[in-house]
């Protein structure tokens, strides 16, 4: 992921249990950070913890089904693995086109 895309922010609005907010606020005070930084760090750590092979396979399925784009695939798999998946999808798509052409003969 490029530095530019890591620094870009998007405002979100959601509700959290009061206890989590209190914990985030105390953590922010202890670490001399703000609440947003604490929530971002926690979310980032959690997402990196849950990305296992089964999760990556589901991301690949989303890409193959057209539900996510190549850039999102690359964020989860890395450039090299994403390129391999993209190349496989291109081959599969061409195979489908070829099969359709053969049925028309």
N, C-alpha and C. Protein backbone atom coordinates (compact mmCIF):
# COMPACT_ATOMS: atom_id res chain seq x y z
N UNK A 1 0.85 -1.17 0.00
CA UNK A 1 0.00 0.00 0.00
C UNK A 1 0.90 1.23 0.00
N UNK A 2 0.60 2.18 -0.81
CA UNK A 2 1.43 3.37 -0.90
C UNK A 2 1.24 4.25 0.33
N UNK A 3 2.25 5.07 0.60
CA UNK A 3 2.17 5.99 1.73
C UNK A 3 1.00 6.93 1.55
N UNK A 4 0.76 7.36 0.31
CA UNK A 4 -0.32 8.29 0.02
C UNK A 4 -1.68 7.71 0.41
N UNK A 5 -1.91 6.44 0.07
CA UNK A 5 -3.20 5.84 0.40
C UNK A 5 -3.34 5.58 1.89
N UNK A 6 -2.23 5.37 2.60
CA UNK A 6 -2.29 5.19 4.05
C UNK A 6 -2.63 6.49 4.76
N UNK A 7 -2.20 7.61 4.21
CA UNK A 7 -2.43 8.91 4.85
C UNK A 7 -3.80 9.49 4.53
N UNK A 8 -4.43 9.03 3.48
CA UNK A 8 -5.74 9.53 3.11
C UNK A 8 -6.77 9.05 4.13
N UNK A 9 -7.65 9.94 4.54
CA UNK A 9 -8.64 9.59 5.55
C UNK A 9 -10.05 9.78 5.01
N UNK A 10 -10.96 9.04 5.60
CA UNK A 10 -12.37 9.16 5.27
C UNK A 10 -13.14 9.22 6.58
N UNK A 11 -14.01 10.18 6.69
CA UNK A 11 -14.79 10.34 7.92
C UNK A 11 -15.86 9.25 7.97
N UNK A 12 -15.98 8.63 9.13
CA UNK A 12 -17.03 7.64 9.36
C UNK A 12 -17.78 8.01 10.63
N UNK A 13 -19.01 7.58 10.70
CA UNK A 13 -19.82 7.86 11.86
C UNK A 13 -20.49 6.57 12.29
N UNK A 14 -20.17 6.09 13.48
CA UNK A 14 -20.80 4.88 13.99
C UNK A 14 -20.88 4.93 15.51
N UNK A 15 -21.70 4.07 16.04
CA UNK A 15 -21.90 4.02 17.48
C UNK A 15 -21.09 2.87 18.07
N UNK A 16 -20.56 3.11 19.26
CA UNK A 16 -19.84 2.08 20.01
C UNK A 16 -20.38 2.04 21.42
N UNK A 17 -20.27 0.90 22.08
CA UNK A 17 -20.69 0.84 23.48
C UNK A 17 -19.89 1.85 24.32
N UNK A 18 -20.56 2.44 25.27
CA UNK A 18 -19.94 3.47 26.11
C UNK A 18 -18.67 2.96 26.79
N UNK A 19 -18.69 1.70 27.20
CA UNK A 19 -17.52 1.12 27.86
C UNK A 19 -16.29 1.14 26.94
N UNK A 20 -16.49 0.84 25.65
CA UNK A 20 -15.37 0.87 24.71
C UNK A 20 -14.84 2.29 24.53
N UNK A 21 -15.75 3.24 24.47
CA UNK A 21 -15.34 4.64 24.33
C UNK A 21 -14.52 5.07 25.56
N UNK A 22 -15.00 4.69 26.75
CA UNK A 22 -14.26 5.03 27.97
C UNK A 22 -12.87 4.41 27.96
N UNK A 23 -12.78 3.15 27.53
CA UNK A 23 -11.48 2.48 27.47
C UNK A 23 -10.57 3.15 26.45
N UNK A 24 -11.13 3.52 25.32
CA UNK A 24 -10.34 4.20 24.29
C UNK A 24 -9.84 5.54 24.80
N UNK A 25 -10.68 6.27 25.50
CA UNK A 25 -10.29 7.58 26.03
C UNK A 25 -9.17 7.46 27.07
N UNK A 26 -9.27 6.46 27.94
CA UNK A 26 -8.21 6.27 28.95
C UNK A 26 -6.92 5.84 28.27
N UNK A 27 -7.03 4.94 27.31
CA UNK A 27 -5.84 4.51 26.55
C UNK A 27 -5.20 5.69 25.84
N UNK A 28 -6.02 6.56 25.29
CA UNK A 28 -5.50 7.74 24.59
C UNK A 28 -4.73 8.64 25.56
N UNK A 29 -5.26 8.82 26.74
CA UNK A 29 -4.57 9.65 27.74
C UNK A 29 -3.25 9.04 28.15
N UNK A 30 -3.25 7.73 28.39
CA UNK A 30 -2.03 7.05 28.81
C UNK A 30 -0.97 7.10 27.71
N UNK A 31 -1.38 6.93 26.46
CA UNK A 31 -0.43 6.89 25.34
C UNK A 31 -0.19 8.26 24.70
N UNK A 32 -0.83 9.29 25.26
CA UNK A 32 -0.68 10.66 24.73
C UNK A 32 -1.06 10.73 23.26
N UNK A 33 -2.22 10.13 22.96
CA UNK A 33 -2.76 10.15 21.61
C UNK A 33 -4.22 10.57 21.72
N UNK A 34 -4.87 10.73 20.55
CA UNK A 34 -6.30 11.05 20.62
C UNK A 34 -7.12 9.78 20.38
N UNK A 35 -8.40 9.87 20.64
CA UNK A 35 -9.30 8.73 20.51
C UNK A 35 -9.25 8.14 19.10
N UNK A 36 -9.24 8.99 18.10
CA UNK A 36 -9.22 8.50 16.72
C UNK A 36 -7.99 7.64 16.46
N UNK A 37 -6.83 8.09 16.93
CA UNK A 37 -5.60 7.30 16.73
C UNK A 37 -5.71 5.94 17.41
N UNK A 38 -6.28 5.91 18.60
CA UNK A 38 -6.43 4.64 19.33
C UNK A 38 -7.37 3.70 18.58
N UNK A 39 -8.50 4.22 18.12
CA UNK A 39 -9.47 3.38 17.39
C UNK A 39 -8.86 2.89 16.08
N UNK A 40 -8.15 3.76 15.36
CA UNK A 40 -7.51 3.35 14.10
C UNK A 40 -6.50 2.24 14.35
N UNK A 41 -5.66 2.41 15.37
CA UNK A 41 -4.65 1.38 15.67
C UNK A 41 -5.31 0.05 16.04
N UNK A 42 -6.36 0.11 16.86
CA UNK A 42 -7.03 -1.11 17.28
C UNK A 42 -7.67 -1.82 16.08
N UNK A 43 -8.32 -1.07 15.22
CA UNK A 43 -8.95 -1.66 14.05
C UNK A 43 -7.90 -2.25 13.11
N UNK A 44 -6.83 -1.52 12.89
CA UNK A 44 -5.75 -2.00 12.03
C UNK A 44 -5.17 -3.31 12.57
N UNK A 45 -4.88 -3.36 13.86
CA UNK A 45 -4.33 -4.57 14.47
C UNK A 45 -5.31 -5.73 14.34
N UNK A 46 -6.58 -5.47 14.61
CA UNK A 46 -7.59 -6.54 14.52
C UNK A 46 -7.69 -7.09 13.10
N UNK A 47 -7.75 -6.20 12.13
CA UNK A 47 -7.88 -6.67 10.75
C UNK A 47 -6.67 -7.49 10.32
N UNK A 48 -5.48 -7.10 10.75
CA UNK A 48 -4.31 -7.89 10.39
C UNK A 48 -4.28 -9.24 11.09
N UNK A 49 -4.88 -9.32 12.26
CA UNK A 49 -4.94 -10.59 12.99
C UNK A 49 -5.90 -11.59 12.34
N UNK A 50 -6.99 -11.13 11.77
CA UNK A 50 -8.00 -12.05 11.24
C UNK A 50 -7.73 -12.51 9.81
N UNK A 51 -6.74 -11.92 9.16
CA UNK A 51 -6.48 -12.28 7.77
C UNK A 51 -5.64 -13.56 7.73
N UNK A 52 -6.33 -14.69 7.62
CA UNK A 52 -5.67 -15.97 7.48
C UNK A 52 -5.94 -16.50 6.06
N UNK A 53 -5.52 -17.71 5.79
CA UNK A 53 -5.68 -18.26 4.44
C UNK A 53 -7.14 -18.40 4.04
N UNK A 54 -7.99 -18.80 4.98
CA UNK A 54 -9.42 -18.93 4.68
C UNK A 54 -10.01 -17.57 4.32
N UNK A 55 -9.62 -16.55 5.05
CA UNK A 55 -10.08 -15.19 4.79
C UNK A 55 -9.62 -14.73 3.40
N UNK A 56 -8.35 -14.97 3.09
CA UNK A 56 -7.82 -14.58 1.78
C UNK A 56 -8.55 -15.30 0.66
N UNK A 57 -8.90 -16.57 0.87
CA UNK A 57 -9.64 -17.31 -0.15
C UNK A 57 -11.00 -16.67 -0.39
N UNK A 58 -11.64 -16.21 0.66
CA UNK A 58 -12.94 -15.55 0.51
C UNK A 58 -12.79 -14.23 -0.25
N UNK A 59 -11.69 -13.50 0.00
CA UNK A 59 -11.43 -12.26 -0.73
C UNK A 59 -11.24 -12.57 -2.21
N UNK A 60 -10.54 -13.65 -2.50
CA UNK A 60 -10.35 -14.06 -3.90
C UNK A 60 -11.70 -14.36 -4.55
N UNK A 61 -12.57 -15.06 -3.82
CA UNK A 61 -13.90 -15.36 -4.35
C UNK A 61 -14.68 -14.08 -4.64
N UNK A 62 -14.57 -13.10 -3.75
CA UNK A 62 -15.25 -11.82 -3.98
C UNK A 62 -14.74 -11.17 -5.26
N UNK A 63 -13.43 -11.24 -5.49
CA UNK A 63 -12.84 -10.67 -6.71
C UNK A 63 -13.34 -11.43 -7.94
N UNK A 64 -13.30 -12.74 -7.88
CA UNK A 64 -13.71 -13.55 -9.04
C UNK A 64 -15.19 -13.35 -9.36
N UNK A 65 -15.98 -13.06 -8.33
CA UNK A 65 -17.41 -12.80 -8.54
C UNK A 65 -17.70 -11.35 -8.92
N UNK A 66 -16.66 -10.53 -9.01
CA UNK A 66 -16.84 -9.14 -9.41
C UNK A 66 -17.35 -8.23 -8.30
N UNK A 67 -17.26 -8.68 -7.05
CA UNK A 67 -17.78 -7.89 -5.94
C UNK A 67 -16.76 -6.88 -5.39
N UNK A 68 -15.47 -7.13 -5.65
CA UNK A 68 -14.43 -6.16 -5.29
C UNK A 68 -13.51 -6.00 -6.49
N UNK A 69 -12.80 -4.87 -6.55
CA UNK A 69 -11.92 -4.63 -7.68
C UNK A 69 -10.49 -5.09 -7.38
N UNK A 70 -9.65 -4.99 -8.41
CA UNK A 70 -8.27 -5.46 -8.31
C UNK A 70 -7.49 -4.72 -7.22
N UNK A 71 -7.69 -3.41 -7.10
CA UNK A 71 -6.95 -2.65 -6.08
C UNK A 71 -7.25 -3.14 -4.68
N UNK A 72 -8.50 -3.48 -4.41
CA UNK A 72 -8.87 -4.00 -3.09
C UNK A 72 -8.26 -5.39 -2.89
N UNK A 73 -8.29 -6.22 -3.92
CA UNK A 73 -7.67 -7.54 -3.85
C UNK A 73 -6.20 -7.41 -3.49
N UNK A 74 -5.52 -6.47 -4.14
CA UNK A 74 -4.10 -6.25 -3.91
C UNK A 74 -3.81 -5.84 -2.46
N UNK A 75 -4.71 -5.07 -1.86
CA UNK A 75 -4.52 -4.65 -0.46
C UNK A 75 -4.52 -5.84 0.49
N UNK A 76 -5.31 -6.86 0.17
CA UNK A 76 -5.39 -8.02 1.05
C UNK A 76 -4.37 -9.10 0.74
N UNK A 77 -4.01 -9.24 -0.53
CA UNK A 77 -3.12 -10.34 -0.92
C UNK A 77 -1.69 -9.91 -1.20
N UNK A 78 -1.46 -8.63 -1.43
CA UNK A 78 -0.15 -8.19 -1.89
C UNK A 78 -0.13 -8.20 -3.41
N UNK A 79 0.77 -7.41 -3.99
CA UNK A 79 0.80 -7.23 -5.44
C UNK A 79 1.03 -8.54 -6.19
N UNK A 80 2.02 -9.30 -5.78
CA UNK A 80 2.39 -10.51 -6.53
C UNK A 80 1.26 -11.54 -6.55
N UNK A 81 0.67 -11.81 -5.40
CA UNK A 81 -0.44 -12.78 -5.35
C UNK A 81 -1.67 -12.27 -6.07
N UNK A 82 -1.94 -10.97 -5.96
CA UNK A 82 -3.09 -10.39 -6.66
C UNK A 82 -2.91 -10.51 -8.17
N UNK A 83 -1.70 -10.28 -8.65
CA UNK A 83 -1.44 -10.40 -10.09
C UNK A 83 -1.68 -11.83 -10.56
N UNK A 84 -1.29 -12.81 -9.74
CA UNK A 84 -1.50 -14.22 -10.11
C UNK A 84 -3.00 -14.53 -10.20
N UNK A 85 -3.77 -14.03 -9.24
CA UNK A 85 -5.21 -14.25 -9.26
C UNK A 85 -5.84 -13.56 -10.48
N UNK A 86 -5.40 -12.34 -10.75
CA UNK A 86 -5.93 -11.59 -11.90
C UNK A 86 -5.63 -12.33 -13.20
N UNK A 87 -4.41 -12.85 -13.33
CA UNK A 87 -4.03 -13.59 -14.53
C UNK A 87 -4.90 -14.84 -14.68
N UNK A 88 -5.14 -15.53 -13.58
CA UNK A 88 -5.99 -16.73 -13.61
C UNK A 88 -7.41 -16.37 -14.02
N UNK A 89 -7.92 -15.26 -13.49
CA UNK A 89 -9.27 -14.81 -13.84
C UNK A 89 -9.35 -14.47 -15.32
N UNK A 90 -8.32 -13.81 -15.83
CA UNK A 90 -8.31 -13.47 -17.26
C UNK A 90 -8.35 -14.73 -18.11
N UNK A 91 -7.59 -15.74 -17.71
CA UNK A 91 -7.57 -17.01 -18.46
C UNK A 91 -8.94 -17.68 -18.38
N UNK A 92 -9.54 -17.69 -17.18
CA UNK A 92 -10.87 -18.29 -17.03
C UNK A 92 -11.91 -17.55 -17.87
N UNK A 93 -11.83 -16.23 -17.86
CA UNK A 93 -12.78 -15.43 -18.65
C UNK A 93 -12.62 -15.72 -20.13
N UNK A 94 -11.37 -15.82 -20.59
CA UNK A 94 -11.14 -16.13 -22.01
C UNK A 94 -11.63 -17.53 -22.34
N UNK A 95 -11.48 -18.46 -21.39
CA UNK A 95 -11.97 -19.82 -21.60
C UNK A 95 -13.48 -19.85 -21.75
N UNK A 96 -14.17 -19.04 -20.94
CA UNK A 96 -15.63 -18.95 -21.05
C UNK A 96 -16.04 -18.40 -22.41
N UNK A 97 -15.32 -17.38 -22.86
CA UNK A 97 -15.62 -16.78 -24.17
C UNK A 97 -15.40 -17.79 -25.29
N UNK A 98 -14.30 -18.55 -25.19
CA UNK A 98 -13.98 -19.55 -26.19
C UNK A 98 -15.06 -20.65 -26.19
N UNK A 99 -15.51 -21.06 -25.02
CA UNK A 99 -16.55 -22.09 -24.93
C UNK A 99 -17.84 -21.61 -25.60
N UNK A 100 -18.19 -20.34 -25.38
CA UNK A 100 -19.39 -19.78 -26.00
C UNK A 100 -19.25 -19.77 -27.52
N UNK A 101 -18.06 -19.40 -28.01
CA UNK A 101 -17.84 -19.39 -29.45
C UNK A 101 -17.95 -20.78 -30.03
N UNK A 102 -17.45 -21.78 -29.32
CA UNK A 102 -17.50 -23.14 -29.82
C UNK A 102 -18.93 -23.67 -29.86
N UNK A 103 -19.74 -23.26 -28.92
CA UNK A 103 -21.14 -23.72 -28.93
C UNK A 103 -21.93 -23.11 -30.08
N UNK A 104 -21.45 -21.97 -30.57
CA UNK A 104 -22.13 -21.31 -31.69
C UNK A 104 -21.77 -21.93 -33.02
N UNK A 105 -20.74 -22.76 -33.08
CA UNK A 105 -20.32 -23.39 -34.35
C UNK A 105 -21.22 -24.48 -34.80
